[in-house]
Amino acid sequence: MAKVTKEMLIAEILQMDLGLVPILMNHGMNCVGCPSAQHESLEQAAEVHGMDADQLVEEMNVFLQSQDNAS
């Protein structure tokens, strides 16, 4: 199973599974499609938006695990 890390670029995360987009957007990261966001790490983007990167990583990895279990 692929796992998200806070060091990964937003672009890398979105390539893993587009189902991760709503998770980011639900946390207020509405600029996931912005060109500059594509070159930021999850940790950098979380810091800019006042979010806890570790919480985002955990939530996204739970989602990815559920997708693996469903297939």
PDB file of N, CA and C in Angstrom:
ATOM      1  N   MET A   1       0.833  -1.183   0.000  1.00  0.00           N
ATOM      2  CA  MET A   1       0.000   0.000   0.000  1.00  0.00           C
ATOM      3  C   MET A   1       0.877   1.244   0.000  1.00  0.00           C
ATOM      4  N   ALA A   2       0.544   2.181  -0.853  1.00  0.00           N
ATOM      5  CA  ALA A   2       1.237   3.466  -0.867  1.00  0.00           C
ATOM      6  C   ALA A   2       0.798   4.275   0.348  1.00  0.00           C
ATOM      7  N   LYS A   3       1.731   5.019   0.882  1.00  0.00           N
ATOM      8  CA  LYS A   3       1.424   5.851   2.046  1.00  0.00           C
ATOM      9  C   LYS A   3       1.824   7.290   1.784  1.00  0.00           C
ATOM     10  N   VAL A   4       1.028   8.195   2.320  1.00  0.00           N
ATOM     11  CA  VAL A   4       1.314   9.620   2.251  1.00  0.00           C
ATOM     12  C   VAL A   4       2.283   9.968   3.373  1.00  0.00           C
ATOM     13  N   THR A   5       3.237  10.840   3.081  1.00  0.00           N
ATOM     14  CA  THR A   5       4.102  11.404   4.116  1.00  0.00           C
ATOM     15  C   THR A   5       4.008  12.917   4.003  1.00  0.00           C
ATOM     16  N   LYS A   6       4.342  13.601   5.065  1.00  0.00           N
ATOM     17  CA  LYS A   6       4.240  15.062   5.038  1.00  0.00           C
ATOM     18  C   LYS A   6       5.338  15.698   4.193  1.00  0.00           C
ATOM     19  N   GLU A   7       6.338  14.926   3.825  1.00  0.00           N
ATOM     20  CA  GLU A   7       7.406  15.439   2.962  1.00  0.00           C
ATOM     21  C   GLU A   7       7.030  15.392   1.479  1.00  0.00           C
ATOM     22  N   MET A   8       5.976  14.670   1.149  1.00  0.00           N
ATOM     23  CA  MET A   8       5.559  14.518  -0.249  1.00  0.00           C
ATOM     24  C   MET A   8       5.003  15.830  -0.787  1.00  0.00           C
ATOM     25  N   LEU A   9       5.213  16.049  -2.085  1.00  0.00           N
ATOM     26  CA  LEU A   9       4.627  17.214  -2.743  1.00  0.00           C
ATOM     27  C   LEU A   9       3.132  16.983  -2.928  1.00  0.00           C
ATOM     28  N   ILE A  10       2.370  18.072  -2.913  1.00  0.00           N
ATOM     29  CA  ILE A  10       0.930  17.969  -3.142  1.00  0.00           C
ATOM     30  C   ILE A  10       0.664  17.242  -4.459  1.00  0.00           C
ATOM     31  N   ALA A  11       1.425  17.562  -5.491  1.00  0.00           N
ATOM     32  CA  ALA A  11       1.252  16.918  -6.798  1.00  0.00           C
ATOM     33  C   ALA A  11       1.429  15.406  -6.691  1.00  0.00           C
ATOM     34  N   GLU A  12       2.392  14.951  -5.920  1.00  0.00           N
ATOM     35  CA  GLU A  12       2.625  13.511  -5.747  1.00  0.00           C
ATOM     36  C   GLU A  12       1.441  12.856  -5.047  1.00  0.00           C
ATOM     37  N   ILE A  13       0.915  13.545  -4.054  1.00  0.00           N
ATOM     38  CA  ILE A  13      -0.220  13.011  -3.289  1.00  0.00           C
ATOM     39  C   ILE A  13      -1.438  12.874  -4.188  1.00  0.00           C
ATOM     40  N   LEU A  14      -1.691  13.894  -5.003  1.00  0.00           N
ATOM     41  CA  LEU A  14      -2.861  13.859  -5.875  1.00  0.00           C
ATOM     42  C   LEU A  14      -2.739  12.772  -6.937  1.00  0.00           C
ATOM     43  N   GLN A  15      -1.517  12.444  -7.337  1.00  0.00           N
ATOM     44  CA  GLN A  15      -1.318  11.362  -8.310  1.00  0.00           C
ATOM     45  C   GLN A  15      -1.619   9.995  -7.699  1.00  0.00           C
ATOM     46  N   MET A  16      -1.544   9.891  -6.383  1.00  0.00           N
ATOM     47  CA  MET A  16      -1.805   8.613  -5.725  1.00  0.00           C
ATOM     48  C   MET A  16      -3.272   8.225  -5.844  1.00  0.00           C
ATOM     49  N   ASP A  17      -4.169   9.187  -5.554  1.00  0.00           N
ATOM     50  CA  ASP A  17      -5.600   8.901  -5.587  1.00  0.00           C
ATOM     51  C   ASP A  17      -6.342  10.229  -5.501  1.00  0.00           C
ATOM     52  N   LEU A  18      -7.173  10.511  -6.488  1.00  0.00           N
ATOM     53  CA  LEU A  18      -7.919  11.775  -6.480  1.00  0.00           C
ATOM     54  C   LEU A  18      -8.950  11.830  -5.354  1.00  0.00           C
ATOM     55  N   GLY A  19      -9.207  10.704  -4.727  1.00  0.00           N
ATOM     56  CA  GLY A  19     -10.088  10.677  -3.566  1.00  0.00           C
ATOM     57  C   GLY A  19      -9.499  11.421  -2.376  1.00  0.00           C
ATOM     58  N   LEU A  20      -8.217  11.766  -2.463  1.00  0.00           N
ATOM     59  CA  LEU A  20      -7.582  12.531  -1.385  1.00  0.00           C
ATOM     60  C   LEU A  20      -7.922  14.018  -1.458  1.00  0.00           C
ATOM     61  N   VAL A  21      -8.391  14.475  -2.625  1.00  0.00           N
ATOM     62  CA  VAL A  21      -8.722  15.893  -2.797  1.00  0.00           C
ATOM     63  C   VAL A  21      -9.772  16.358  -1.789  1.00  0.00           C
ATOM     64  N   PRO A  22     -10.889  15.638  -1.632  1.00  0.00           N
ATOM     65  CA  PRO A  22     -11.889  16.107  -0.656  1.00  0.00           C
ATOM     66  C   PRO A  22     -11.354  16.198   0.775  1.00  0.00           C
ATOM     67  N   ILE A  23     -10.436  15.329   1.121  1.00  0.00           N
ATOM     68  CA  ILE A  23      -9.851  15.397   2.468  1.00  0.00           C
ATOM     69  C   ILE A  23      -9.121  16.720   2.639  1.00  0.00           C
ATOM     70  N   LEU A  24      -8.301  17.076   1.651  1.00  0.00           N
ATOM     71  CA  LEU A  24      -7.581  18.342   1.733  1.00  0.00           C
ATOM     72  C   LEU A  24      -8.553  19.521   1.747  1.00  0.00           C
ATOM     73  N   MET A  25      -9.557  19.471   0.885  1.00  0.00           N
ATOM     74  CA  MET A  25     -10.506  20.568   0.797  1.00  0.00           C
ATOM     75  C   MET A  25     -11.358  20.692   2.065  1.00  0.00           C
ATOM     76  N   ASN A  26     -11.702  19.573   2.672  1.00  0.00           N
ATOM     77  CA  ASN A  26     -12.474  19.610   3.926  1.00  0.00           C
ATOM     78  C   ASN A  26     -11.693  20.263   5.053  1.00  0.00           C
ATOM     79  N   HIS A  27     -10.386  20.292   4.912  1.00  0.00           N
ATOM     80  CA  HIS A  27      -9.539  20.936   5.918  1.00  0.00           C
ATOM     81  C   HIS A  27      -9.191  22.372   5.531  1.00  0.00           C
ATOM     82  N   GLY A  28      -9.839  22.884   4.483  1.00  0.00           N
ATOM     83  CA  GLY A  28      -9.632  24.272   4.093  1.00  0.00           C
ATOM     84  C   GLY A  28      -8.524  24.492   3.086  1.00  0.00           C
ATOM     85  N   MET A  29      -7.953  23.437   2.576  1.00  0.00           N
ATOM     86  CA  MET A  29      -6.892  23.572   1.582  1.00  0.00           C
ATOM     87  C   MET A  29      -7.537  23.554   0.197  1.00  0.00           C
ATOM     88  N   ASN A  30      -8.213  24.658  -0.133  1.00  0.00           N
ATOM     89  CA  ASN A  30      -8.985  24.746  -1.366  1.00  0.00           C
ATOM     90  C   ASN A  30      -8.140  25.045  -2.594  1.00  0.00           C
ATOM     91  N   CYS A  31      -6.875  25.261  -2.425  1.00  0.00           N
ATOM     92  CA  CYS A  31      -6.015  25.613  -3.560  1.00  0.00           C
ATOM     93  C   CYS A  31      -5.197  24.414  -4.050  1.00  0.00           C
ATOM     94  N   VAL A  32      -5.714  23.209  -3.882  1.00  0.00           N
ATOM     95  CA  VAL A  32      -4.946  22.026  -4.282  1.00  0.00           C
ATOM     96  C   VAL A  32      -4.635  22.008  -5.769  1.00  0.00           C
ATOM     97  N   GLY A  33      -5.399  22.728  -6.568  1.00  0.00           N
ATOM     98  CA  GLY A  33      -5.140  22.782  -7.996  1.00  0.00           C
ATOM     99  C   GLY A  33      -4.247  23.930  -8.420  1.00  0.00           C
ATOM    100  N   CYS A  34      -3.868  24.794  -7.484  1.00  0.00           N
ATOM    101  CA  CYS A  34      -3.024  25.943  -7.814  1.00  0.00           C
ATOM    102  C   CYS A  34      -1.638  25.459  -8.260  1.00  0.00           C
ATOM    103  N   PRO A  35      -1.083  26.104  -9.276  1.00  0.00           N
ATOM    104  CA  PRO A  35       0.264  25.698  -9.725  1.00  0.00           C
ATOM    105  C   PRO A  35       1.305  25.748  -8.606  1.00  0.00           C
ATOM    106  N   SER A  36       1.243  26.750  -7.752  1.00  0.00           N
ATOM    107  CA  SER A  36       2.249  26.839  -6.691  1.00  0.00           C
ATOM    108  C   SER A  36       2.074  25.736  -5.656  1.00  0.00           C
ATOM    109  N   ALA A  37       0.842  25.320  -5.420  1.00  0.00           N
ATOM    110  CA  ALA A  37       0.590  24.253  -4.445  1.00  0.00           C
ATOM    111  C   ALA A  37       1.175  22.925  -4.917  1.00  0.00           C
ATOM    112  N   GLN A  38       1.288  22.760  -6.218  1.00  0.00           N
ATOM    113  CA  GLN A  38       1.811  21.515  -6.756  1.00  0.00           C
ATOM    114  C   GLN A  38       3.285  21.305  -6.406  1.00  0.00           C
ATOM    115  N   HIS A  39       3.965  22.381  -6.067  1.00  0.00           N
ATOM    116  CA  HIS A  39       5.395  22.307  -5.759  1.00  0.00           C
ATOM    117  C   HIS A  39       5.676  22.453  -4.269  1.00  0.00           C
ATOM    118  N   GLU A  40       4.630  22.435  -3.459  1.00  0.00           N
ATOM    119  CA  GLU A  40       4.789  22.513  -2.008  1.00  0.00           C
ATOM    120  C   GLU A  40       4.665  21.115  -1.420  1.00  0.00           C
ATOM    121  N   SER A  41       5.369  20.898  -0.340  1.00  0.00           N
ATOM    122  CA  SER A  41       5.165  19.647   0.388  1.00  0.00           C
ATOM    123  C   SER A  41       3.879  19.774   1.198  1.00  0.00           C
ATOM    124  N   LEU A  42       3.344  18.652   1.611  1.00  0.00           N
ATOM    125  CA  LEU A  42       2.143  18.671   2.444  1.00  0.00           C
ATOM    126  C   LEU A  42       2.420  19.443   3.725  1.00  0.00           C
ATOM    127  N   GLU A  43       3.608  19.260   4.275  1.00  0.00           N
ATOM    128  CA  GLU A  43       3.973  19.955   5.508  1.00  0.00           C
ATOM    129  C   GLU A  43       3.991  21.471   5.292  1.00  0.00           C
ATOM    130  N   GLN A  44       4.556  21.929   4.181  1.00  0.00           N
ATOM    131  CA  GLN A  44       4.597  23.361   3.891  1.00  0.00           C
ATOM    132  C   GLN A  44       3.188  23.912   3.702  1.00  0.00           C
ATOM    133  N   ALA A  45       2.369  23.212   2.943  1.00  0.00           N
ATOM    134  CA  ALA A  45       1.003  23.665   2.697  1.00  0.00           C
ATOM    135  C   ALA A  45       0.200  23.698   3.996  1.00  0.00           C
ATOM    136  N   ALA A  46       0.370  22.681   4.831  1.00  0.00           N
ATOM    137  CA  ALA A  46      -0.345  22.647   6.107  1.00  0.00           C
ATOM    138  C   ALA A  46       0.067  23.822   6.991  1.00  0.00           C
ATOM    139  N   GLU A  47       1.344  24.126   6.992  1.00  0.00           N
ATOM    140  CA  GLU A  47       1.832  25.245   7.797  1.00  0.00           C
ATOM    141  C   GLU A  47       1.212  26.563   7.330  1.00  0.00           C
ATOM    142  N   VAL A  48       1.179  26.772   6.022  1.00  0.00           N
ATOM    143  CA  VAL A  48       0.603  27.993   5.460  1.00  0.00           C
ATOM    144  C   VAL A  48      -0.866  28.121   5.843  1.00  0.00           C
ATOM    145  N   HIS A  49      -1.582  26.999   5.881  1.00  0.00           N
ATOM    146  CA  HIS A  49      -3.014  27.001   6.168  1.00  0.00           C
ATOM    147  C   HIS A  49      -3.336  26.771   7.648  1.00  0.00           C
ATOM    148  N   GLY A  50      -2.316  26.709   8.483  1.00  0.00           N
ATOM    149  CA  GLY A  50      -2.534  26.535   9.917  1.00  0.00           C
ATOM    150  C   GLY A  50      -3.102  25.183  10.296  1.00  0.00           C
ATOM    151  N   MET A  51      -2.676  24.154   9.589  1.00  0.00           N
ATOM    152  CA  MET A  51      -3.169  22.796   9.840  1.00  0.00           C
ATOM    153  C   MET A  51      -2.081  21.931  10.449  1.00  0.00           C
ATOM    154  N   ASP A  52      -2.516  20.835  11.015  1.00  0.00           N
ATOM    155  CA  ASP A  52      -1.600  19.836  11.560  1.00  0.00           C
ATOM    156  C   ASP A  52      -1.290  18.819  10.466  1.00  0.00           C
ATOM    157  N   ALA A  53      -0.070  18.843   9.941  1.00  0.00           N
ATOM    158  CA  ALA A  53       0.321  17.950   8.848  1.00  0.00           C
ATOM    159  C   ALA A  53       0.203  16.488   9.257  1.00  0.00           C
ATOM    160  N   ASP A  54       0.527  16.165  10.489  1.00  0.00           N
ATOM    161  CA  ASP A  54       0.452  14.770  10.934  1.00  0.00           C
ATOM    162  C   ASP A  54      -0.990  14.262  10.907  1.00  0.00           C
ATOM    163  N   GLN A  55      -1.934  15.122  11.276  1.00  0.00           N
ATOM    164  CA  GLN A  55      -3.348  14.747  11.245  1.00  0.00           C
ATOM    165  C   GLN A  55      -3.801  14.489   9.807  1.00  0.00           C
ATOM    166  N   LEU A  56      -3.380  15.343   8.889  1.00  0.00           N
ATOM    167  CA  LEU A  56      -3.720  15.143   7.481  1.00  0.00           C
ATOM    168  C   LEU A  56      -3.141  13.837   6.955  1.00  0.00           C
ATOM    169  N   VAL A  57      -1.896  13.569   7.282  1.00  0.00           N
ATOM    170  CA  VAL A  57      -1.240  12.326   6.842  1.00  0.00           C
ATOM    171  C   VAL A  57      -2.023  11.125   7.350  1.00  0.00           C
ATOM    172  N   GLU A  58      -2.385  11.148   8.614  1.00  0.00           N
ATOM    173  CA  GLU A  58      -3.118  10.025   9.193  1.00  0.00           C
ATOM    174  C   GLU A  58      -4.459   9.817   8.490  1.00  0.00           C
ATOM    175  N   GLU A  59      -5.187  10.918   8.283  1.00  0.00           N
ATOM    176  CA  GLU A  59      -6.498  10.806   7.639  1.00  0.00           C
ATOM    177  C   GLU A  59      -6.382  10.298   6.195  1.00  0.00           C
ATOM    178  N   MET A  60      -5.391  10.785   5.478  1.00  0.00           N
ATOM    179  CA  MET A  60      -5.216  10.343   4.101  1.00  0.00           C
ATOM    180  C   MET A  60      -4.785   8.885   4.034  1.00  0.00           C
ATOM    181  N   ASN A  61      -3.943   8.448   4.940  1.00  0.00           N
ATOM    182  CA  ASN A  61      -3.507   7.053   4.931  1.00  0.00           C
ATOM    183  C   ASN A  61      -4.635   6.103   5.333  1.00  0.00           C
ATOM    184  N   VAL A  62      -5.521   6.549   6.219  1.00  0.00           N
ATOM    185  CA  VAL A  62      -6.705   5.738   6.550  1.00  0.00           C
ATOM    186  C   VAL A  62      -7.572   5.577   5.307  1.00  0.00           C
ATOM    187  N   PHE A  63      -7.749   6.677   4.567  1.00  0.00           N
ATOM    188  CA  PHE A  63      -8.517   6.605   3.318  1.00  0.00           C
ATOM    189  C   PHE A  63      -7.872   5.622   2.339  1.00  0.00           C
ATOM    190  N   LEU A  64      -6.570   5.741   2.123  1.00  0.00           N
ATOM    191  CA  LEU A  64      -5.881   4.851   1.183  1.00  0.00           C
ATOM    192  C   LEU A  64      -5.993   3.390   1.620  1.00  0.00           C
ATOM    193  N   GLN A  65      -5.897   3.153   2.917  1.00  0.00           N
ATOM    194  CA  GLN A  65      -6.036   1.782   3.431  1.00  0.00           C
ATOM    195  C   GLN A  65      -7.438   1.257   3.147  1.00  0.00           C
ATOM    196  N   SER A  66      -8.442   2.107   3.319  1.00  0.00           N
ATOM    197  CA  SER A  66      -9.821   1.670   3.057  1.00  0.00           C
ATOM    198  C   SER A  66     -10.018   1.344   1.579  1.00  0.00           C
ATOM    199  N   GLN A  67      -9.336   2.091   0.707  1.00  0.00           N
ATOM    200  CA  GLN A  67      -9.418   1.819  -0.726  1.00  0.00           C
ATOM    201  C   GLN A  67      -8.764   0.477  -1.050  1.00  0.00           C
ATOM    202  N   ASP A  68      -7.644   0.186  -0.404  1.00  0.00           N
ATOM    203  CA  ASP A  68      -6.962  -1.093  -0.619  1.00  0.00           C
ATOM    204  C   ASP A  68      -7.839  -2.252  -0.136  1.00  0.00           C
ATOM    205  N   ASN A  69      -8.484  -2.052   1.009  1.00  0.00           N
ATOM    206  CA  ASN A  69      -9.342  -3.110   1.569  1.00  0.00           C
ATOM    207  C   ASN A  69     -10.573  -3.347   0.706  1.00  0.00           C
ATOM    208  N   ALA A  70     -11.036  -2.311   0.013  1.00  0.00           N
ATOM    209  CA  ALA A  70     -12.237  -2.430  -0.814  1.00  0.00           C
ATOM    210  C   ALA A  70     -11.959  -3.160  -2.125  1.00  0.00           C
ATOM    211  N   SER A  71     -10.709  -3.166  -2.531  1.00  0.00           N
ATOM    212  CA  SER A  71     -10.408  -3.804  -3.829  1.00  0.00           C
ATOM    213  C   SER A  71      -9.971  -5.239  -3.705  1.00  0.00           C
TER     214      SER A  71
END
